C-alpha atoms as a PDB file:
ATOM      1  CA  MET A   1      -0.062  -0.133   0.025  1.00  0.00           C
ATOM      2  CA  PRO A   2       1.282   3.386  -0.962  1.00  0.00           C
ATOM      3  CA  LYS A   3       2.362   5.195   2.272  1.00  0.00           C
ATOM      4  CA  ALA A   4       1.380   8.527   0.831  1.00  0.00           C
ATOM      5  CA  LYS A   5      -2.185   7.614   0.464  1.00  0.00           C
ATOM      6  CA  TYR A   6      -2.866   6.422   4.108  1.00  0.00           C
ATOM      7  CA  ASP A   7      -0.351   8.885   5.506  1.00  0.00           C
ATOM      8  CA  GLY A   8      -2.194  11.781   3.919  1.00  0.00           C
ATOM      9  CA  ILE A   9      -5.540  10.406   5.318  1.00  0.00           C
ATOM     10  CA  TYR A  10      -3.991  10.055   8.887  1.00  0.00           C
ATOM     11  CA  HIS A  11      -2.643  13.642   8.949  1.00  0.00           C
ATOM     12  CA  SER A  12      -5.968  14.978   7.608  1.00  0.00           C
ATOM     13  CA  ILE A  13      -7.895  13.211  10.470  1.00  0.00           C
ATOM     14  CA  LYS A  14      -5.442  14.009  12.910  1.00  0.00           C
ATOM     15  CA  LYS A  15      -5.513  17.729  12.038  1.00  0.00           C
ATOM     16  CA  ARG A  16      -9.280  17.772  12.304  1.00  0.00           C
ATOM     17  CA  ILE A  17      -8.938  16.416  15.835  1.00  0.00           C
ATOM     18  CA  GLU A  18      -6.652  18.609  17.007  1.00  0.00           C
ATOM     19  CA  ALA A  19      -8.731  21.509  15.613  1.00  0.00           C
ATOM     20  CA  GLN A  20     -11.765  19.930  17.484  1.00  0.00           C
ATOM     21  CA  ASP A  21     -13.787  19.398  14.309  1.00  0.00           C
ATOM     22  CA  TYR A  22     -13.988  15.717  15.800  1.00  0.00           C
ATOM     23  CA  PRO A  23     -14.138  16.859  19.613  1.00  0.00           C
ATOM     24  CA  TYR A  24     -13.069  14.675  22.641  1.00  0.00           C
ATOM     25  CA  GLN A  25     -15.541  11.795  23.090  1.00  0.00           C
ATOM     26  CA  SER A  26     -17.146  12.016  19.722  1.00  0.00           C
ATOM     27  CA  LEU A  27     -17.306   9.390  17.197  1.00  0.00           C
ATOM     28  CA  LEU A  28     -15.631   9.880  13.861  1.00  0.00           C
ATOM     29  CA  PRO A  29     -17.588   9.238  10.838  1.00  0.00           C
ATOM     30  CA  SER A  30     -18.136   5.509   9.759  1.00  0.00           C
ATOM     31  CA  GLU A  31     -15.453   3.714   7.515  1.00  0.00           C
ATOM     32  CA  ASN A  32     -18.129   4.021   4.739  1.00  0.00           C
ATOM     33  CA  THR A  33     -18.136   7.740   5.054  1.00  0.00           C
ATOM     34  CA  LEU A  34     -14.375   8.191   5.389  1.00  0.00           C
ATOM     35  CA  ILE A  35     -13.899   5.614   2.325  1.00  0.00           C
ATOM     36  CA  GLU A  36     -16.251   7.990   0.301  1.00  0.00           C
ATOM     37  CA  GLU A  37     -14.715  11.234   1.479  1.00  0.00           C
ATOM     38  CA  TYR A  38     -11.053  10.076   0.570  1.00  0.00           C
ATOM     39  CA  ALA A  39     -11.741   8.129  -2.317  1.00  0.00           C
ATOM     40  CA  CYS A  40      -9.728   5.176  -0.968  1.00  0.00           C
ATOM     41  CA  SER A  41     -10.044   1.323   0.096  1.00  0.00           C
ATOM     42  CA  ARG A  42     -11.073   0.220   3.391  1.00  0.00           C
ATOM     43  CA  ASN A  43      -7.714  -1.021   4.116  1.00  0.00           C
ATOM     44  CA  THR A  44      -6.235   2.435   3.539  1.00  0.00           C
ATOM     45  CA  VAL A  45      -8.721   3.784   6.214  1.00  0.00           C
ATOM     46  CA  ARG A  46      -8.076   1.167   8.359  1.00  0.00           C
ATOM     47  CA  ARG A  47      -4.243   1.712   8.189  1.00  0.00           C
ATOM     48  CA  ALA A  48      -4.602   5.482   8.860  1.00  0.00           C
ATOM     49  CA  LEU A  49      -7.120   4.923  11.774  1.00  0.00           C
ATOM     50  CA  ALA A  50      -4.516   2.420  13.138  1.00  0.00           C
ATOM     51  CA  GLU A  51      -1.970   5.369  13.156  1.00  0.00           C
ATOM     52  CA  LEU A  52      -4.348   7.475  14.959  1.00  0.00           C
ATOM     53  CA  VAL A  53      -4.761   4.420  17.395  1.00  0.00           C
ATOM     54  CA  ALA A  54      -1.104   4.031  18.131  1.00  0.00           C
ATOM     55  CA  ASP A  55      -0.737   7.894  18.523  1.00  0.00           C
ATOM     56  CA  GLY A  56      -3.384   7.852  21.251  1.00  0.00           C
ATOM     57  CA  TYR A  57      -5.719  10.121  19.163  1.00  0.00           C
ATOM     58  CA  VAL A  58      -8.796   7.698  18.904  1.00  0.00           C
ATOM     59  CA  GLN A  59      -9.807   4.148  20.405  1.00  0.00           C
ATOM     60  CA  THR A  60     -11.752   1.568  18.135  1.00  0.00           C
ATOM     61  CA  MET A  61     -14.657  -0.110  19.449  1.00  0.00           C
ATOM     62  CA  GLN A  62     -15.629  -3.489  18.025  1.00  0.00           C
ATOM     63  CA  GLY A  63     -19.035  -3.003  16.377  1.00  0.00           C
ATOM     64  CA  ARG A  64     -19.619   0.400  17.521  1.00  0.00           C
ATOM     65  CA  GLY A  65     -17.289   2.825  15.676  1.00  0.00           C
ATOM     66  CA  VAL A  66     -14.118   4.788  16.508  1.00  0.00           C
ATOM     67  CA  ARG A  67     -14.213   7.304  19.543  1.00  0.00           C
ATOM     68  CA  VAL A  68     -11.815  10.221  19.935  1.00  0.00           C
ATOM     69  CA  ILE A  69      -9.763  10.174  23.122  1.00  0.00           C
ATOM     70  CA  TYR A  70      -7.489  12.906  22.274  1.00  0.00           C
ATOM     71  CA  GLN A  71      -7.425  16.282  24.505  1.00  0.00           C
ATOM     72  CA  PRO A  72      -5.034  19.355  23.965  1.00  0.00           C
ATOM     73  CA  VAL A  73      -2.607  19.544  27.049  1.00  0.00           C
ATOM     74  CA  GLY A  74      -1.712  22.956  26.979  1.00  0.00           C
ATOM     75  CA  LYS A  75       2.024  22.257  27.396  1.00  0.00           C
ATOM     76  CA  THR A  76       4.685  21.015  25.106  1.00  0.00           C
ATOM     77  CA  THR A  77       4.462  17.220  24.767  1.00  0.00           C
ATOM     78  CA  PHE A  78       7.317  15.043  24.448  1.00  0.00           C
ATOM     79  CA  THR A  79       6.822  11.178  23.509  1.00  0.00           C
ATOM     80  CA  ILE A  80       7.862   8.561  25.885  1.00  0.00           C
ATOM     81  CA  GLY A  81       7.884   5.353  23.461  1.00  0.00           C
ATOM     82  CA  GLY A  82       9.216   7.024  20.446  1.00  0.00           C
ATOM     83  CA  ILE A  83      12.494   8.891  19.153  1.00  0.00           C
ATOM     84  CA  GLU A  84      11.621  12.638  17.817  1.00  0.00           C
ATOM     85  CA  THR A  85      13.958  15.498  16.893  1.00  0.00           C
ATOM     86  CA  PHE A  86      13.723  18.667  18.269  1.00  0.00           C
ATOM     87  CA  GLN A  87      12.083  20.247  15.108  1.00  0.00           C
ATOM     88  CA  GLU A  88       9.687  17.332  14.805  1.00  0.00           C
ATOM     89  CA  THR A  89       8.448  17.779  18.288  1.00  0.00           C
ATOM     90  CA  ALA A  90       8.085  21.568  17.766  1.00  0.00           C
ATOM     91  CA  ARG A  91       5.937  20.884  14.605  1.00  0.00           C
ATOM     92  CA  ARG A  92       3.695  18.394  16.221  1.00  0.00           C
ATOM     93  CA  ASN A  93       3.006  20.922  19.013  1.00  0.00           C
ATOM     94  CA  HIS A  94       2.668  23.707  16.618  1.00  0.00           C
ATOM     95  CA  LEU A  95       5.404  25.913  18.033  1.00  0.00           C
ATOM     96  CA  ARG A  96       8.169  28.159  16.350  1.00  0.00           C
ATOM     97  CA  ALA A  97      11.641  26.370  16.917  1.00  0.00           C
ATOM     98  CA  VAL A  98      15.252  28.127  17.297  1.00  0.00           C
ATOM     99  CA  THR A  99      18.319  26.355  18.324  1.00  0.00           C
ATOM    100  CA  LYS A 100      21.317  28.354  19.493  1.00  0.00           C
ATOM    101  CA  VAL A 101      24.806  26.489  19.716  1.00  0.00           C
ATOM    102  CA  THR A 102      26.291  27.532  22.823  1.00  0.00           C
ATOM    103  CA  LYS A 103      29.460  25.308  23.114  1.00  0.00           C
ATOM    104  CA  PHE A 104      30.907  23.394  20.407  1.00  0.00           C
ATOM    105  CA  GLU A 105      34.009  21.098  21.202  1.00  0.00           C
ATOM    106  CA  THR A 106      35.795  17.780  21.200  1.00  0.00           C
ATOM    107  CA  VAL A 107      36.461  15.740  24.627  1.00  0.00           C
ATOM    108  CA  ILE A 108      37.903  12.861  25.865  1.00  0.00           C
ATOM    109  CA  ALA A 109      35.614  10.233  27.860  1.00  0.00           C
ATOM    110  CA  THR A 110      37.194  10.221  31.488  1.00  0.00           C
ATOM    111  CA  GLU A 111      36.440   7.219  33.825  1.00  0.00           C
ATOM    112  CA  GLN A 112      33.986   8.967  35.584  1.00  0.00           C
ATOM    113  CA  PHE A 113      32.061  10.308  32.588  1.00  0.00           C
ATOM    114  CA  ALA A 114      32.286   6.718  31.127  1.00  0.00           C
ATOM    115  CA  ALA A 115      30.533   5.134  33.952  1.00  0.00           C
ATOM    116  CA  GLU A 116      27.741   7.827  33.574  1.00  0.00           C
ATOM    117  CA  SER A 117      27.258   7.786  29.708  1.00  0.00           C
ATOM    118  CA  GLY A 118      28.083   4.363  28.822  1.00  0.00           C
ATOM    119  CA  PHE A 119      30.896   5.484  26.740  1.00  0.00           C
ATOM    120  CA  SER A 120      34.323   3.841  27.034  1.00  0.00           C
ATOM    121  CA  GLU A 121      37.249   5.692  28.897  1.00  0.00           C
ATOM    122  CA  GLY A 122      39.356   7.342  26.415  1.00  0.00           C
ATOM    123  CA  ASP A 123      36.750   7.747  23.556  1.00  0.00           C
ATOM    124  CA  GLU A 124      36.719  10.801  21.338  1.00  0.00           C
ATOM    125  CA  LEU A 125      33.378  12.732  21.696  1.00  0.00           C
ATOM    126  CA  TRP A 126      31.833  15.735  20.221  1.00  0.00           C
ATOM    127  CA  ALA A 127      30.443  17.959  22.836  1.00  0.00           C
ATOM    128  CA  VAL A 128      27.910  20.098  22.178  1.00  0.00           C
ATOM    129  CA  GLN A 129      25.543  22.422  24.054  1.00  0.00           C
ATOM    130  CA  ARG A 130      22.320  23.862  22.681  1.00  0.00           C
ATOM    131  CA  VAL A 131      19.678  26.069  24.030  1.00  0.00           C
ATOM    132  CA  ARG A 132      16.228  25.431  22.486  1.00  0.00           C
ATOM    133  CA  TYR A 133      13.864  27.915  22.154  1.00  0.00           C
ATOM    134  CA  LEU A 134      10.191  27.480  21.639  1.00  0.00           C
ATOM    135  CA  ASP A 135       7.961  30.446  20.470  1.00  0.00           C
ATOM    136  CA  GLY A 136      10.884  32.687  21.775  1.00  0.00           C
ATOM    137  CA  LYS A 137      11.309  31.141  25.138  1.00  0.00           C
ATOM    138  CA  ALA A 138      14.438  29.450  25.964  1.00  0.00           C
ATOM    139  CA  LEU A 139      12.902  26.352  27.581  1.00  0.00           C
ATOM    140  CA  ILE A 140      15.379  23.449  27.081  1.00  0.00           C
ATOM    141  CA  LEU A 141      19.342  22.889  27.458  1.00  0.00           C
ATOM    142  CA  ASP A 142      20.511  19.886  25.613  1.00  0.00           C
ATOM    143  CA  ILE A 143      24.045  18.647  26.656  1.00  0.00           C
ATOM    144  CA  ASN A 144      25.025  16.207  24.000  1.00  0.00           C
ATOM    145  CA  TYR A 145      27.654  13.957  23.426  1.00  0.00           C
ATOM    146  CA  PHE A 146      28.427  12.016  20.141  1.00  0.00           C
ATOM    147  CA  LEU A 147      31.030   9.449  19.574  1.00  0.00           C
ATOM    148  CA  LYS A 148      33.118  10.997  16.810  1.00  0.00           C
ATOM    149  CA  GLU A 149      33.883   7.635  15.336  1.00  0.00           C
ATOM    150  CA  PHE A 150      30.321   7.290  14.553  1.00  0.00           C
ATOM    151  CA  VAL A 151      29.248  10.870  13.708  1.00  0.00           C
ATOM    152  CA  PRO A 152      32.220  12.184  11.472  1.00  0.00           C
ATOM    153  CA  GLY A 153      31.971  15.615  10.016  1.00  0.00           C
ATOM    154  CA  LEU A 154      29.922  17.355  12.521  1.00  0.00           C
ATOM    155  CA  THR A 155      29.853  20.972  12.774  1.00  0.00           C
ATOM    156  CA  PRO A 156      28.271  23.967  14.731  1.00  0.00           C
ATOM    157  CA  GLU A 157      26.296  24.780  11.614  1.00  0.00           C
ATOM    158  CA  ILE A 158      24.831  21.092  11.597  1.00  0.00           C
ATOM    159  CA  ALA A 159      23.995  21.115  15.350  1.00  0.00           C
ATOM    160  CA  ALA A 160      21.957  24.304  14.885  1.00  0.00           C
ATOM    161  CA  ASN A 161      19.762  22.549  12.271  1.00  0.00           C
ATOM    162  CA  SER A 162      19.436  18.875  13.191  1.00  0.00           C
ATOM    163  CA  ILE A 163      22.079  16.366  14.216  1.00  0.00           C
ATOM    164  CA  TYR A 164      19.553  13.386  13.549  1.00  0.00           C
ATOM    165  CA  ASP A 165      18.787  14.562  10.106  1.00  0.00           C
ATOM    166  CA  TYR A 166      22.537  14.744   9.275  1.00  0.00           C
ATOM    167  CA  ILE A 167      23.209  11.088  10.841  1.00  0.00           C
ATOM    168  CA  GLU A 168      20.309   9.474   9.088  1.00  0.00           C
ATOM    169  CA  ASN A 169      20.003  11.388   5.799  1.00  0.00           C
ATOM    170  CA  THR A 170      24.132  12.336   4.951  1.00  0.00           C
ATOM    171  CA  LEU A 171      25.896   9.636   7.101  1.00  0.00           C
ATOM    172  CA  GLY A 172      23.230   6.861   6.548  1.00  0.00           C
ATOM    173  CA  MET A 173      23.290   5.417  10.146  1.00  0.00           C
ATOM    174  CA  GLN A 174      19.792   4.099  11.438  1.00  0.00           C
ATOM    175  CA  ILE A 175      18.730   5.551  14.863  1.00  0.00           C
ATOM    176  CA  ILE A 176      16.968   2.498  16.335  1.00  0.00           C
ATOM    177  CA  THR A 177      16.650   2.537  20.478  1.00  0.00           C
ATOM    178  CA  SER A 178      17.144   5.397  23.192  1.00  0.00           C
ATOM    179  CA  LYS A 179      17.134   4.481  26.845  1.00  0.00           C
ATOM    180  CA  ARG A 180      15.786   7.201  28.877  1.00  0.00           C
ATOM    181  CA  ARG A 181      15.817   8.335  32.822  1.00  0.00           C
ATOM    182  CA  ILE A 182      13.574  11.009  33.809  1.00  0.00           C
ATOM    183  CA  THR A 183      14.337  13.045  37.146  1.00  0.00           C
ATOM    184  CA  VAL A 184      13.746  16.328  38.877  1.00  0.00           C
ATOM    185  CA  GLU A 185      16.803  18.417  40.030  1.00  0.00           C
ATOM    186  CA  HIS A 186      17.606  21.615  41.480  1.00  0.00           C
ATOM    187  CA  ALA A 187      18.456  24.357  38.675  1.00  0.00           C
ATOM    188  CA  THR A 188      22.024  24.866  38.428  1.00  0.00           C
ATOM    189  CA  ALA A 189      23.716  28.029  37.802  1.00  0.00           C
ATOM    190  CA  ARG A 190      24.130  27.344  34.061  1.00  0.00           C
ATOM    191  CA  ASP A 191      20.316  26.656  33.871  1.00  0.00           C
ATOM    192  CA  GLU A 192      19.342  30.050  35.379  1.00  0.00           C
ATOM    193  CA  ASN A 193      21.830  31.805  33.120  1.00  0.00           C
ATOM    194  CA  LEU A 194      20.517  30.107  29.815  1.00  0.00           C
ATOM    195  CA  LEU A 195      16.904  29.437  30.393  1.00  0.00           C
ATOM    196  CA  ASP A 196      13.913  31.266  31.033  1.00  0.00           C
ATOM    197  CA  MET A 197      13.328  29.833  34.478  1.00  0.00           C
ATOM    198  CA  GLY A 198      10.665  32.418  35.741  1.00  0.00           C
ATOM    199  CA  THR A 199      10.201  31.427  39.437  1.00  0.00           C
ATOM    200  CA  TYR A 200      11.052  27.674  39.154  1.00  0.00           C
ATOM    201  CA  GLY A 201      14.078  26.338  40.973  1.00  0.00           C
ATOM    202  CA  CYS A 202      14.224  23.012  39.540  1.00  0.00           C
ATOM    203  CA  VAL A 203      14.552  21.630  35.978  1.00  0.00           C
ATOM    204  CA  VAL A 204      13.083  18.185  34.455  1.00  0.00           C
ATOM    205  CA  VAL A 205      16.409  16.292  33.193  1.00  0.00           C
ATOM    206  CA  VAL A 206      15.766  13.486  30.500  1.00  0.00           C
ATOM    207  CA  ALA A 207      19.109  11.628  30.177  1.00  0.00           C
ATOM    208  CA  ASN A 208      19.162   9.402  26.979  1.00  0.00           C
ATOM    209  CA  GLN A 209      21.534   6.665  25.858  1.00  0.00           C
ATOM    210  CA  THR A 210      20.891   6.221  22.001  1.00  0.00           C
ATOM    211  CA  PHE A 211      21.808   3.541  19.998  1.00  0.00           C
ATOM    212  CA  ASN A 212      22.387   2.355  16.327  1.00  0.00           C
ATOM    213  CA  ALA A 213      21.044  -0.551  14.281  1.00  0.00           C
ATOM    214  CA  ALA A 214      24.260  -2.531  15.383  1.00  0.00           C
ATOM    215  CA  GLY A 215      23.217  -1.938  19.042  1.00  0.00           C
ATOM    216  CA  LEU A 216      26.181   0.438  19.744  1.00  0.00           C
ATOM    217  CA  LEU A 217      26.021   3.456  21.732  1.00  0.00           C
ATOM    218  CA  PHE A 218      26.538   6.756  19.777  1.00  0.00           C
ATOM    219  CA  GLU A 219      24.882   9.466  21.861  1.00  0.00           C
ATOM    220  CA  TYR A 220      24.453  10.387  25.431  1.00  0.00           C
ATOM    221  CA  THR A 221      22.404  13.423  26.397  1.00  0.00           C
ATOM    222  CA  GLN A 222      21.086  15.327  29.088  1.00  0.00           C
ATOM    223  CA  SER A 223      18.018  17.641  28.022  1.00  0.00           C
ATOM    224  CA  ARG A 224      17.195  20.006  30.821  1.00  0.00           C
ATOM    225  CA  HIS A 225      13.652  21.315  30.661  1.00  0.00           C
ATOM    226  CA  GLN A 226      12.012  24.385  32.432  1.00  0.00           C
ATOM    227  CA  PRO A 227       8.905  22.781  34.185  1.00  0.00           C
ATOM    228  CA  ASP A 228       6.394  24.971  33.010  1.00  0.00           C
ATOM    229  CA  TYR A 229       6.561  23.914  29.378  1.00  0.00           C
ATOM    230  CA  PHE A 230       7.341  20.170  29.795  1.00  0.00           C
ATOM    231  CA  CYS A 231       4.950  17.198  29.588  1.00  0.00           C
ATOM    232  CA  PHE A 232       5.973  13.631  28.856  1.00  0.00           C
ATOM    233  CA  GLN A 233       3.149  11.552  27.281  1.00  0.00           C
ATOM    234  CA  ASP A 234       2.854   7.641  26.542  1.00  0.00           C
ATOM    235  CA  ILE A 235       0.061   5.574  25.412  1.00  0.00           C
ATOM    236  CA  ALA A 236      -0.494   2.378  27.422  1.00  0.00           C
ATOM    237  CA  THR A 237      -2.871  -0.520  26.890  1.00  0.00           C
ATOM    238  CA  ARG A 238      -3.705  -3.392  29.558  1.00  0.00           C
ATOM    239  CA  LYS A 239      -2.456  -6.723  28.268  1.00  0.00           C
ATOM    240  CA  LYS A 240      -3.978  -9.716  29.844  1.00  0.00           C
END
């Protein structure tokens, strides 16, 4: 099945749900109505609906239709179960995104840092510090470390755009798995200096270890979030 067809239907219905044309707890039009509206097959409609189910926008009810379960959250939402770039998250949340690179250098992993990050002592790493702005507010401080062996040719210009885009589309490396740890910590002087902290004295810290298709660690990142605009979401189902 051509991806463009079901993907276009998925995005169309998703946009209408987000605009509350299909409000929370309402039922979507029937499959037959959607087939007629989008001039497509039943399988294409079902594939689009399956994507909406996976994203937590709707829930199917056997013999009763498809109910909308999406509610706008009012904060920037980040996915727990998926791997998104900052630009992809901003687009999904309909926010204007800007990245400023505040540090870019080469470092050698010490014994202490190797124990924290999962790299090996002596590994040569790109160390990148970036401030992420959403709608003009400095809300995220990303402290990234990339194994130079796997990410050759990285530059500050690439870092200001999208390192993952460079890794996937220029270097051709697959990004497969990210292990995350989420904590709340006291804000540091660096957080206070670089982020629009307001009255908050703490930050939400998301530490990521990210692996390629060979199961090898190529990135360790700490993302330090100002709490007011932070929300992690996931979709869970009960398995019997």
